[in-house]
Protein backbone atom coordinates (compact mmCIF):
# COMPACT_ATOMS: atom_id res chain seq x y z
CA MET A 1 28.38 20.31 9.47
CA ARG A 2 26.87 19.27 12.77
CA SER A 3 26.39 15.53 13.02
CA PHE A 4 23.10 16.06 14.81
CA SER A 5 21.47 18.18 12.13
CA ARG A 6 18.26 17.00 10.52
CA ASN A 7 20.04 16.06 7.31
CA CYS A 8 23.12 14.44 8.86
CA VAL A 9 22.55 11.04 7.19
CA GLU A 10 22.15 12.68 3.79
CA GLU A 11 25.32 14.72 4.31
CA LEU A 12 27.52 12.20 6.16
CA GLY A 13 26.04 8.81 5.36
CA GLU A 14 24.91 6.26 7.91
CA PRO A 15 26.54 6.54 11.35
CA ASP A 16 29.55 4.35 12.09
CA ILE A 17 28.36 3.52 15.60
CA VAL A 18 24.86 3.30 17.05
CA TYR A 19 24.47 2.68 20.78
CA ASP A 20 21.19 1.45 22.21
CA ILE A 21 20.64 3.60 25.29
CA SER A 22 17.05 2.57 25.95
CA ALA A 23 18.01 1.41 29.45
CA VAL A 24 18.93 5.01 30.34
CA ALA A 25 16.56 6.95 28.07
CA ASP A 26 14.89 8.45 31.17
CA ILE A 27 18.23 10.00 32.15
CA LYS A 28 18.59 11.44 28.65
CA LEU A 29 15.14 13.02 28.95
CA ASP A 30 16.00 14.42 32.38
CA ALA A 31 19.17 15.99 30.96
CA ILE A 32 17.16 17.57 28.15
CA ARG A 33 14.55 18.82 30.63
CA ALA A 34 17.34 20.44 32.65
CA HIS A 35 17.79 22.86 29.73
CA ARG A 36 14.16 23.94 29.71
CA SER A 37 14.74 27.38 28.22
CA GLN A 38 16.36 25.77 25.18
CA THR A 39 14.18 22.67 24.82
CA GLU A 40 10.68 23.47 26.10
CA LEU A 41 8.99 23.57 22.68
CA MET A 42 10.79 20.44 21.52
CA LEU A 43 9.75 18.60 24.69
CA GLU A 44 6.09 19.55 24.26
CA GLU A 45 6.08 18.15 20.73
CA MET A 46 8.07 15.11 21.80
CA ALA A 47 5.65 14.28 24.62
CA ASP A 48 2.79 13.88 22.14
CA LYS A 49 4.91 11.75 19.82
CA LEU A 50 6.06 9.52 22.68
CA LYS A 51 2.44 8.97 23.74
CA GLU A 52 1.67 7.95 20.15
CA LYS A 53 4.78 5.70 20.13
CA ASP A 54 6.11 7.51 17.06
CA SER A 55 8.89 5.29 15.67
CA LYS A 56 11.24 8.14 14.68
CA THR A 57 10.95 9.79 18.08
CA LEU A 58 11.53 6.50 19.89
CA ALA A 59 14.56 5.77 17.70
CA TRP A 60 15.98 9.24 18.46
CA LEU A 61 15.41 8.79 22.19
CA ASN A 62 16.72 5.25 22.46
CA ASN A 63 19.77 5.45 20.19
CA GLU A 64 22.90 7.58 20.14
CA ARG A 65 24.62 7.81 16.76
CA PHE A 66 28.26 8.60 16.08
CA TRP A 67 30.25 9.30 12.94
CA THR A 68 33.98 8.87 12.46
CA TYR A 69 35.49 11.83 10.68
CA LYS A 70 38.26 10.90 8.30
CA PHE A 71 40.71 13.68 7.52
CA SER A 72 43.00 13.47 4.51
């Protein structure tokens, strides 16, 4: 299970750590843009959502989520 899949909260529960990275969100976008061949379609869709101030898109951009895996 990838922790960045669309259903990660349903599969893993809420993240253990959430970092607000809004101060460096532009750097995150630049890093994504650097992988144009893999992200071009996503970026086109995201641009529209950012213009509309879509809350889910802004939360994804401005927060990094982490899960702690507990092995038995």
